Amino acid sequence: MILLYETADAVRNKGFIDELQKFGSFELVCWDDWSDEGLEALAGKLSGSLVLFRIRRPSAARFLEDQRIHLVNRAEVNRIANDKWQSFQFMQLMGVPVIPTYREAKEFPCVAKTADGHGGNGVELVHSAAEIPTDASIFQPVVDHVADVRAYVIGSEVVGAVKRSSTDSFKANYSLGGKAEKYVLSAAQEQDVLKIARALKSDYIGVDFLLLQDGQHLFNEIEDPVGARSLYETHEENIAELLAMHLKKIEKERPFRLKEE
């Protein structure tokens, strides 16, 4: 099996990579050339392998899948999860409660986001049209909430959830200094999280939602690739081990296996 990262992300995620390699035979491949020629070369390198695709590049994922390379997650998950507008439309289609999201600011203050931001980047609280960043493309109302929650899903099982909160910023991302604690999903929350994951046919994602004052929830984003730092800080379970087990199962059953295998 192959772990595919861009070089800078591989450096940042060395701990997770090391953990995965404890539990399976994973070859790390770092790649930064996304030109047509670079993609052709990459496809040749990955041919016949199961690839854990840890890169936010939907068009590259689609190209590789068209070359019959088995990606985890699949290209369609990468496309939806890395476009906040597509994620909103998808979750609306699933019928789960979701933060209202618009292509233009409907009121102020509001939250302005880039479509492809992650980790709290590309998210700004704006109080007037003059404050809207030039790269913002979607807008959400400011929703009063207790915290936000990230549920981690491997296959069709929720393997953990983390409640994240911040006292000095509306962004509760753990990587930005937010507080993280273990969280147990309610039955309704787990049902909705799994509804999203099963519809996506995902293998390993994070699903984020806001926890409201009355205990209700509003979905916000889908993360692929999803980081697990906050989960390691709050859970005894080793998500790298769980993911490796899931990948080994896929490896035995995956399509497009070469005959000589």
C-alpha atoms as a PDB file:
ATOM      1  CA  MET A   1       0.000   0.000   0.000  1.00  0.00           C
ATOM      2  CA  ILE A   2       1.077   3.551  -0.695  1.00  0.00           C
ATOM      3  CA  LEU A   3       0.705   6.703   1.425  1.00  0.00           C
ATOM      4  CA  LEU A   4       0.548   9.701  -0.908  1.00  0.00           C
ATOM      5  CA  TYR A   5       1.322  13.162   0.481  1.00  0.00           C
ATOM      6  CA  GLU A   6       2.596  16.465  -0.758  1.00  0.00           C
ATOM      7  CA  THR A   7       6.051  16.977   0.726  1.00  0.00           C
ATOM      8  CA  ALA A   8       5.186  19.789   3.140  1.00  0.00           C
ATOM      9  CA  ASP A   9       2.171  17.894   4.485  1.00  0.00           C
ATOM     10  CA  ALA A  10       4.240  14.744   4.948  1.00  0.00           C
ATOM     11  CA  VAL A  11       6.600  16.713   7.190  1.00  0.00           C
ATOM     12  CA  ARG A  12       3.698  18.099   9.251  1.00  0.00           C
ATOM     13  CA  ASN A  13       2.098  14.675   9.573  1.00  0.00           C
ATOM     14  CA  LYS A  14       5.208  12.628  10.312  1.00  0.00           C
ATOM     15  CA  GLY A  15       3.769  11.334  13.584  1.00  0.00           C
ATOM     16  CA  PHE A  16       0.661   9.938  11.906  1.00  0.00           C
ATOM     17  CA  ILE A  17       2.718   8.442   9.080  1.00  0.00           C
ATOM     18  CA  ASP A  18       5.026   6.737  11.575  1.00  0.00           C
ATOM     19  CA  GLU A  19       2.013   5.310  13.412  1.00  0.00           C
ATOM     20  CA  LEU A  20       0.487   3.924  10.222  1.00  0.00           C
ATOM     21  CA  GLN A  21       3.758   2.269   9.272  1.00  0.00           C
ATOM     22  CA  LYS A  22       3.782   0.454  12.617  1.00  0.00           C
ATOM     23  CA  PHE A  23       0.601  -1.361  11.667  1.00  0.00           C
ATOM     24  CA  GLY A  24       1.052  -2.059   7.978  1.00  0.00           C
ATOM     25  CA  SER A  25       3.398  -2.108   5.018  1.00  0.00           C
ATOM     26  CA  PHE A  26       2.973   1.454   3.755  1.00  0.00           C
ATOM     27  CA  GLU A  27       5.342   3.049   1.266  1.00  0.00           C
ATOM     28  CA  LEU A  28       5.446   6.830   1.644  1.00  0.00           C
ATOM     29  CA  VAL A  29       5.389   8.691  -1.663  1.00  0.00           C
ATOM     30  CA  CYS A  30       5.756  12.476  -1.619  1.00  0.00           C
ATOM     31  CA  TRP A  31       4.629  14.255  -4.768  1.00  0.00           C
ATOM     32  CA  ASP A  32       4.454  17.922  -5.759  1.00  0.00           C
ATOM     33  CA  ASP A  33       4.325  17.928  -9.571  1.00  0.00           C
ATOM     34  CA  TRP A  34       0.693  18.328 -10.645  1.00  0.00           C
ATOM     35  CA  SER A  35       1.356  19.169 -14.265  1.00  0.00           C
ATOM     36  CA  ASP A  36      -0.028  16.846 -16.936  1.00  0.00           C
ATOM     37  CA  GLU A  37       3.390  15.235 -17.261  1.00  0.00           C
ATOM     38  CA  GLY A  38       3.722  14.938 -13.492  1.00  0.00           C
ATOM     39  CA  LEU A  39       0.349  13.221 -13.200  1.00  0.00           C
ATOM     40  CA  GLU A  40       1.253  10.758 -15.934  1.00  0.00           C
ATOM     41  CA  ALA A  41       4.465   9.917 -14.087  1.00  0.00           C
ATOM     42  CA  LEU A  42       2.615   9.582 -10.795  1.00  0.00           C
ATOM     43  CA  ALA A  43       0.029   7.262 -12.320  1.00  0.00           C
ATOM     44  CA  GLY A  44       2.831   5.016 -13.525  1.00  0.00           C
ATOM     45  CA  LYS A  45       4.375   4.949 -10.053  1.00  0.00           C
ATOM     46  CA  LEU A  46       1.088   4.107  -8.349  1.00  0.00           C
ATOM     47  CA  SER A  47      -0.132   1.548 -10.865  1.00  0.00           C
ATOM     48  CA  GLY A  48      -1.457  -1.619  -9.215  1.00  0.00           C
ATOM     49  CA  SER A  49      -1.333  -0.194  -5.678  1.00  0.00           C
ATOM     50  CA  LEU A  50      -3.939   0.731  -3.116  1.00  0.00           C
ATOM     51  CA  VAL A  51      -3.287   4.415  -2.382  1.00  0.00           C
ATOM     52  CA  LEU A  52      -4.186   6.326   0.773  1.00  0.00           C
ATOM     53  CA  PHE A  53      -4.677   9.700  -0.926  1.00  0.00           C
ATOM     54  CA  ARG A  54      -3.823  12.389   1.660  1.00  0.00           C
ATOM     55  CA  ILE A  55      -3.949  15.348  -0.709  1.00  0.00           C
ATOM     56  CA  ARG A  56      -6.575  18.019  -1.395  1.00  0.00           C
ATOM     57  CA  ARG A  57      -6.547  17.828  -5.191  1.00  0.00           C
ATOM     58  CA  PRO A  58      -9.857  16.593  -6.609  1.00  0.00           C
ATOM     59  CA  SER A  59      -8.834  16.876 -10.274  1.00  0.00           C
ATOM     60  CA  ALA A  60      -5.666  14.855  -9.630  1.00  0.00           C
ATOM     61  CA  ALA A  61      -7.692  12.245  -7.755  1.00  0.00           C
ATOM     62  CA  ARG A  62     -10.112  11.974 -10.651  1.00  0.00           C
ATOM     63  CA  PHE A  63      -7.265  11.566 -13.160  1.00  0.00           C
ATOM     64  CA  LEU A  64      -5.682   8.796 -11.108  1.00  0.00           C
ATOM     65  CA  GLU A  65      -8.966   6.958 -10.724  1.00  0.00           C
ATOM     66  CA  ASP A  66      -9.448   7.166 -14.483  1.00  0.00           C
ATOM     67  CA  GLN A  67      -6.139   5.291 -14.718  1.00  0.00           C
ATOM     68  CA  ARG A  68      -7.722   2.487 -12.645  1.00  0.00           C
ATOM     69  CA  ILE A  69      -5.812   3.363  -9.481  1.00  0.00           C
ATOM     70  CA  HIS A  70      -7.735   2.590  -6.294  1.00  0.00           C
ATOM     71  CA  LEU A  71      -7.747   5.653  -4.028  1.00  0.00           C
ATOM     72  CA  VAL A  72      -8.807   5.922  -0.410  1.00  0.00           C
ATOM     73  CA  ASN A  73     -10.802   8.129  -0.222  1.00  0.00           C
ATOM     74  CA  ARG A  74     -12.229   7.973  -3.703  1.00  0.00           C
ATOM     75  CA  ALA A  75     -12.096  11.033  -5.970  1.00  0.00           C
ATOM     76  CA  GLU A  76     -15.743  11.978  -5.479  1.00  0.00           C
ATOM     77  CA  VAL A  77     -15.223  12.257  -1.715  1.00  0.00           C
ATOM     78  CA  ASN A  78     -12.213  14.507  -2.335  1.00  0.00           C
ATOM     79  CA  ARG A  79     -14.263  16.685  -4.698  1.00  0.00           C
ATOM     80  CA  ILE A  80     -17.202  17.182  -2.339  1.00  0.00           C
ATOM     81  CA  ALA A  81     -15.225  17.522   0.899  1.00  0.00           C
ATOM     82  CA  ASN A  82     -12.831  20.122  -0.523  1.00  0.00           C
ATOM     83  CA  ASP A  83     -15.545  22.411  -1.847  1.00  0.00           C
ATOM     84  CA  LYS A  84     -17.678  23.895   0.930  1.00  0.00           C
ATOM     85  CA  TRP A  85     -20.482  24.788  -1.466  1.00  0.00           C
ATOM     86  CA  GLN A  86     -20.606  21.241  -2.791  1.00  0.00           C
ATOM     87  CA  SER A  87     -20.551  19.918   0.790  1.00  0.00           C
ATOM     88  CA  PHE A  88     -23.488  22.149   1.738  1.00  0.00           C
ATOM     89  CA  GLN A  89     -25.522  21.018  -1.267  1.00  0.00           C
ATOM     90  CA  PHE A  90     -24.693  17.381  -0.583  1.00  0.00           C
ATOM     91  CA  MET A  91     -25.760  17.571   3.069  1.00  0.00           C
ATOM     92  CA  GLN A  92     -28.950  19.373   2.097  1.00  0.00           C
ATOM     93  CA  LEU A  93     -29.676  16.540  -0.315  1.00  0.00           C
ATOM     94  CA  MET A  94     -29.118  14.045   2.523  1.00  0.00           C
ATOM     95  CA  GLY A  95     -31.754  15.822   4.579  1.00  0.00           C
ATOM     96  CA  VAL A  96     -29.511  16.419   7.602  1.00  0.00           C
ATOM     97  CA  PRO A  97     -29.596  19.719   9.532  1.00  0.00           C
ATOM     98  CA  VAL A  98     -26.962  22.028   8.068  1.00  0.00           C
ATOM     99  CA  ILE A  99     -25.844  25.635   8.560  1.00  0.00           C
ATOM    100  CA  PRO A 100     -27.577  27.860   5.960  1.00  0.00           C
ATOM    101  CA  THR A 101     -24.991  28.693   3.310  1.00  0.00           C
ATOM    102  CA  TYR A 102     -25.177  31.296   0.557  1.00  0.00           C
ATOM    103  CA  ARG A 103     -23.207  32.561  -2.415  1.00  0.00           C
ATOM    104  CA  GLU A 104     -23.488  36.145  -1.161  1.00  0.00           C
ATOM    105  CA  ALA A 105     -23.702  37.838   2.220  1.00  0.00           C
ATOM    106  CA  LYS A 106     -27.328  38.042   3.382  1.00  0.00           C
ATOM    107  CA  GLU A 107     -26.674  39.910   6.639  1.00  0.00           C
ATOM    108  CA  PHE A 108     -23.911  41.241   8.851  1.00  0.00           C
ATOM    109  CA  PRO A 109     -22.101  40.107  10.820  1.00  0.00           C
ATOM    110  CA  CYS A 110     -21.607  36.841   8.946  1.00  0.00           C
ATOM    111  CA  VAL A 111     -18.947  34.215   8.390  1.00  0.00           C
ATOM    112  CA  ALA A 112     -17.161  34.470   5.033  1.00  0.00           C
ATOM    113  CA  LYS A 113     -15.295  31.433   3.744  1.00  0.00           C
ATOM    114  CA  THR A 114     -13.218  30.371   0.795  1.00  0.00           C
ATOM    115  CA  ALA A 115     -14.668  27.288  -0.870  1.00  0.00           C
ATOM    116  CA  ASP A 116     -11.503  25.236  -0.409  1.00  0.00           C
ATOM    117  CA  GLY A 117     -10.162  26.397   2.962  1.00  0.00           C
ATOM    118  CA  HIS A 118      -9.360  23.950   5.761  1.00  0.00           C
ATOM    119  CA  GLY A 119      -7.977  23.947   9.288  1.00  0.00           C
ATOM    120  CA  GLY A 120      -9.589  27.316   9.994  1.00  0.00           C
ATOM    121  CA  ASN A 121      -7.824  28.984   7.072  1.00  0.00           C
ATOM    122  CA  GLY A 122      -9.975  31.050   4.733  1.00  0.00           C
ATOM    123  CA  VAL A 123     -12.619  31.681   7.411  1.00  0.00           C
ATOM    124  CA  GLU A 124     -13.348  35.215   8.584  1.00  0.00           C
ATOM    125  CA  LEU A 125     -15.986  36.943  10.697  1.00  0.00           C
ATOM    126  CA  VAL A 126     -16.995  40.070   8.779  1.00  0.00           C
ATOM    127  CA  HIS A 127     -19.158  42.991   9.895  1.00  0.00           C
ATOM    128  CA  SER A 128     -19.657  44.823   6.607  1.00  0.00           C
ATOM    129  CA  ALA A 129     -19.334  44.366   2.861  1.00  0.00           C
ATOM    130  CA  ALA A 130     -16.059  46.285   2.976  1.00  0.00           C
ATOM    131  CA  GLU A 131     -14.525  43.570   5.183  1.00  0.00           C
ATOM    132  CA  ILE A 132     -15.320  40.650   2.861  1.00  0.00           C
ATOM    133  CA  PRO A 133     -12.060  39.026   1.679  1.00  0.00           C
ATOM    134  CA  THR A 134     -11.606  39.016  -2.081  1.00  0.00           C
ATOM    135  CA  ASP A 135     -11.327  35.217  -2.166  1.00  0.00           C
ATOM    136  CA  ALA A 136     -14.465  34.546  -0.091  1.00  0.00           C
ATOM    137  CA  SER A 137     -17.104  32.648  -2.050  1.00  0.00           C
ATOM    138  CA  ILE A 138     -19.610  31.360   0.514  1.00  0.00           C
ATOM    139  CA  PHE A 139     -21.316  33.005   3.464  1.00  0.00           C
ATOM    140  CA  GLN A 140     -23.006  31.703   6.595  1.00  0.00           C
ATOM    141  CA  PRO A 141     -24.897  33.389   9.433  1.00  0.00           C
ATOM    142  CA  VAL A 142     -23.256  33.617  12.840  1.00  0.00           C
ATOM    143  CA  VAL A 143     -24.810  30.720  14.753  1.00  0.00           C
ATOM    144  CA  ASP A 144     -24.825  30.809  18.550  1.00  0.00           C
ATOM    145  CA  HIS A 145     -23.382  27.493  19.672  1.00  0.00           C
ATOM    146  CA  VAL A 146     -21.680  25.786  22.603  1.00  0.00           C
ATOM    147  CA  ALA A 147     -18.864  24.144  20.666  1.00  0.00           C
ATOM    148  CA  ASP A 148     -18.154  22.366  17.443  1.00  0.00           C
ATOM    149  CA  VAL A 149     -17.771  18.617  17.144  1.00  0.00           C
ATOM    150  CA  ARG A 150     -15.732  16.522  14.749  1.00  0.00           C
ATOM    151  CA  ALA A 151     -16.802  12.915  14.307  1.00  0.00           C
ATOM    152  CA  TYR A 152     -14.256  10.506  12.835  1.00  0.00           C
ATOM    153  CA  VAL A 153     -15.644   7.796  10.584  1.00  0.00           C
ATOM    154  CA  ILE A 154     -13.779   4.754   9.238  1.00  0.00           C
ATOM    155  CA  GLY A 155     -15.869   2.807   6.778  1.00  0.00           C
ATOM    156  CA  SER A 156     -19.355   2.732   8.257  1.00  0.00           C
ATOM    157  CA  GLU A 157     -18.319   3.121  11.897  1.00  0.00           C
ATOM    158  CA  VAL A 158     -17.858   6.205  14.043  1.00  0.00           C
ATOM    159  CA  VAL A 159     -14.544   5.560  15.796  1.00  0.00           C
ATOM    160  CA  GLY A 160     -14.463   8.700  17.936  1.00  0.00           C
ATOM    161  CA  ALA A 161     -15.594  12.287  18.298  1.00  0.00           C
ATOM    162  CA  VAL A 162     -14.001  15.423  19.681  1.00  0.00           C
ATOM    163  CA  LYS A 163     -15.711  18.525  21.058  1.00  0.00           C
ATOM    164  CA  ARG A 164     -13.725  21.662  20.292  1.00  0.00           C
ATOM    165  CA  SER A 165     -14.200  25.078  21.851  1.00  0.00           C
ATOM    166  CA  SER A 166     -12.337  28.365  22.106  1.00  0.00           C
ATOM    167  CA  THR A 167     -12.580  31.262  24.547  1.00  0.00           C
ATOM    168  CA  ASP A 168     -10.801  33.850  22.402  1.00  0.00           C
ATOM    169  CA  SER A 169     -11.844  33.102  18.818  1.00  0.00           C
ATOM    170  CA  PHE A 170     -14.922  31.998  16.898  1.00  0.00           C
ATOM    171  CA  LYS A 171     -12.646  29.380  15.331  1.00  0.00           C
ATOM    172  CA  ALA A 172     -12.400  26.302  17.557  1.00  0.00           C
ATOM    173  CA  ASN A 173      -9.900  24.346  15.448  1.00  0.00           C
ATOM    174  CA  TYR A 174      -7.506  22.363  17.624  1.00  0.00           C
ATOM    175  CA  SER A 175      -4.596  23.300  15.353  1.00  0.00           C
ATOM    176  CA  LEU A 176      -5.343  26.977  16.092  1.00  0.00           C
ATOM    177  CA  GLY A 177      -5.281  26.568  19.862  1.00  0.00           C
ATOM    178  CA  GLY A 178      -8.841  25.470  20.551  1.00  0.00           C
ATOM    179  CA  LYS A 179      -9.631  23.238  23.519  1.00  0.00           C
ATOM    180  CA  ALA A 180     -10.457  19.615  22.699  1.00  0.00           C
ATOM    181  CA  GLU A 181     -12.217  16.977  24.762  1.00  0.00           C
ATOM    182  CA  LYS A 182     -13.694  13.564  24.094  1.00  0.00           C
ATOM    183  CA  TYR A 183     -17.321  13.647  23.016  1.00  0.00           C
ATOM    184  CA  VAL A 184     -19.913  10.888  22.737  1.00  0.00           C
ATOM    185  CA  LEU A 185     -22.401  11.383  19.928  1.00  0.00           C
ATOM    186  CA  SER A 186     -26.104  11.164  20.644  1.00  0.00           C
ATOM    187  CA  ALA A 187     -28.046   8.541  18.713  1.00  0.00           C
ATOM    188  CA  ALA A 188     -29.451  11.224  16.408  1.00  0.00           C
ATOM    189  CA  GLN A 189     -26.019  12.722  15.769  1.00  0.00           C
ATOM    190  CA  GLU A 190     -24.467   9.340  15.000  1.00  0.00           C
ATOM    191  CA  GLN A 191     -27.335   8.473  12.679  1.00  0.00           C
ATOM    192  CA  ASP A 192     -26.828  11.687  10.701  1.00  0.00           C
ATOM    193  CA  VAL A 193     -23.028  11.347  10.596  1.00  0.00           C
ATOM    194  CA  LEU A 194     -23.295   7.801   9.237  1.00  0.00           C
ATOM    195  CA  LYS A 195     -25.951   8.894   6.755  1.00  0.00           C
ATOM    196  CA  ILE A 196     -23.398  11.311   5.293  1.00  0.00           C
ATOM    197  CA  ALA A 197     -20.512   8.816   5.286  1.00  0.00           C
ATOM    198  CA  ARG A 198     -22.535   6.006   3.740  1.00  0.00           C
ATOM    199  CA  ALA A 199     -23.918   8.243   1.001  1.00  0.00           C
ATOM    200  CA  LEU A 200     -20.386   9.383   0.182  1.00  0.00           C
ATOM    201  CA  LYS A 201     -19.101   5.797   0.252  1.00  0.00           C
ATOM    202  CA  SER A 202     -16.121   7.181   2.145  1.00  0.00           C
ATOM    203  CA  ASP A 203     -13.444   5.181   3.942  1.00  0.00           C
ATOM    204  CA  TYR A 204     -11.956   7.744   6.336  1.00  0.00           C
ATOM    205  CA  ILE A 205     -13.412  11.210   6.887  1.00  0.00           C
ATOM    206  CA  GLY A 206     -14.178  13.775   9.538  1.00  0.00           C
ATOM    207  CA  VAL A 207     -17.665  15.262   9.775  1.00  0.00           C
ATOM    208  CA  ASP A 208     -17.992  18.599  11.581  1.00  0.00           C
ATOM    209  CA  PHE A 209     -21.097  20.044  13.172  1.00  0.00           C
ATOM    210  CA  LEU A 210     -22.037  22.802  15.609  1.00  0.00           C
ATOM    211  CA  LEU A 211     -23.455  21.806  18.977  1.00  0.00           C
ATOM    212  CA  LEU A 212     -26.270  24.228  19.810  1.00  0.00           C
ATOM    213  CA  GLN A 213     -27.406  25.477  23.218  1.00  0.00           C
ATOM    214  CA  ASP A 214     -30.480  23.222  23.176  1.00  0.00           C
ATOM    215  CA  GLY A 215     -28.477  20.103  22.309  1.00  0.00           C
ATOM    216  CA  GLN A 216     -29.443  20.106  18.652  1.00  0.00           C
ATOM    217  CA  HIS A 217     -26.792  20.033  15.923  1.00  0.00           C
ATOM    218  CA  LEU A 218     -26.100  21.741  12.605  1.00  0.00           C
ATOM    219  CA  PHE A 219     -23.665  20.189  10.158  1.00  0.00           C
ATOM    220  CA  ASN A 220     -20.926  22.378   8.786  1.00  0.00           C
ATOM    221  CA  GLU A 221     -18.164  20.614   6.861  1.00  0.00           C
ATOM    222  CA  ILE A 222     -16.702  17.309   5.680  1.00  0.00           C
ATOM    223  CA  GLU A 223     -12.936  16.828   5.988  1.00  0.00           C
ATOM    224  CA  ASP A 224     -10.856  14.763   3.550  1.00  0.00           C
ATOM    225  CA  PRO A 225      -8.055  14.278   4.275  1.00  0.00           C
ATOM    226  CA  VAL A 226      -8.872  14.633   7.949  1.00  0.00           C
ATOM    227  CA  GLY A 227      -6.283  15.326  10.643  1.00  0.00           C
ATOM    228  CA  ALA A 228      -6.362  13.327  13.871  1.00  0.00           C
ATOM    229  CA  ARG A 229      -4.270  15.330  16.361  1.00  0.00           C
ATOM    230  CA  SER A 230      -7.223  16.168  18.587  1.00  0.00           C
ATOM    231  CA  LEU A 231      -8.387  12.537  18.548  1.00  0.00           C
ATOM    232  CA  TYR A 232      -4.975  11.320  19.736  1.00  0.00           C
ATOM    233  CA  GLU A 233      -5.116  13.851  22.572  1.00  0.00           C
ATOM    234  CA  THR A 234      -8.541  12.727  23.781  1.00  0.00           C
ATOM    235  CA  HIS A 235      -8.893   9.006  23.020  1.00  0.00           C
ATOM    236  CA  GLU A 236      -7.071   5.828  23.996  1.00  0.00           C
ATOM    237  CA  GLU A 237      -7.894   4.142  20.688  1.00  0.00           C
ATOM    238  CA  ASN A 238      -5.177   4.431  18.039  1.00  0.00           C
ATOM    239  CA  ILE A 239      -6.896   5.643  14.887  1.00  0.00           C
ATOM    240  CA  ALA A 240      -3.845   4.762  12.800  1.00  0.00           C
ATOM    241  CA  GLU A 241      -4.230   1.128  13.843  1.00  0.00           C
ATOM    242  CA  LEU A 242      -7.960   1.178  13.107  1.00  0.00           C
ATOM    243  CA  LEU A 243      -7.363   2.752   9.711  1.00  0.00           C
ATOM    244  CA  ALA A 244      -4.615   0.256   8.873  1.00  0.00           C
ATOM    245  CA  MET A 245      -6.983  -2.612   9.670  1.00  0.00           C
ATOM    246  CA  HIS A 246      -9.627  -1.103   7.409  1.00  0.00           C
ATOM    247  CA  LEU A 247      -7.139  -0.618   4.578  1.00  0.00           C
ATOM    248  CA  LYS A 248      -5.942  -4.215   4.842  1.00  0.00           C
ATOM    249  CA  LYS A 249      -9.536  -5.338   4.415  1.00  0.00           C
ATOM    250  CA  ILE A 250      -9.894  -3.147   1.322  1.00  0.00           C
ATOM    251  CA  GLU A 251      -6.591  -4.477  -0.011  1.00  0.00           C
ATOM    252  CA  LYS A 252      -7.968  -8.014   0.027  1.00  0.00           C
ATOM    253  CA  GLU A 253     -11.216  -7.059  -1.683  1.00  0.00           C
ATOM    254  CA  ARG A 254     -10.332  -4.109  -3.919  1.00  0.00           C
ATOM    255  CA  PRO A 255     -11.166  -4.027  -7.641  1.00  0.00           C
ATOM    256  CA  PHE A 256      -8.624  -3.502 -10.429  1.00  0.00           C
ATOM    257  CA  ARG A 257      -6.143  -5.941  -8.928  1.00  0.00           C
ATOM    258  CA  LEU A 258      -3.529  -7.040 -11.425  1.00  0.00           C
ATOM    259  CA  LYS A 259      -3.789 -10.708 -12.468  1.00  0.00           C
ATOM    260  CA  GLU A 260      -0.299 -11.510 -11.261  1.00  0.00           C
ATOM    261  CA  GLU A 261      -1.272 -10.437  -7.751  1.00  0.00           C
END
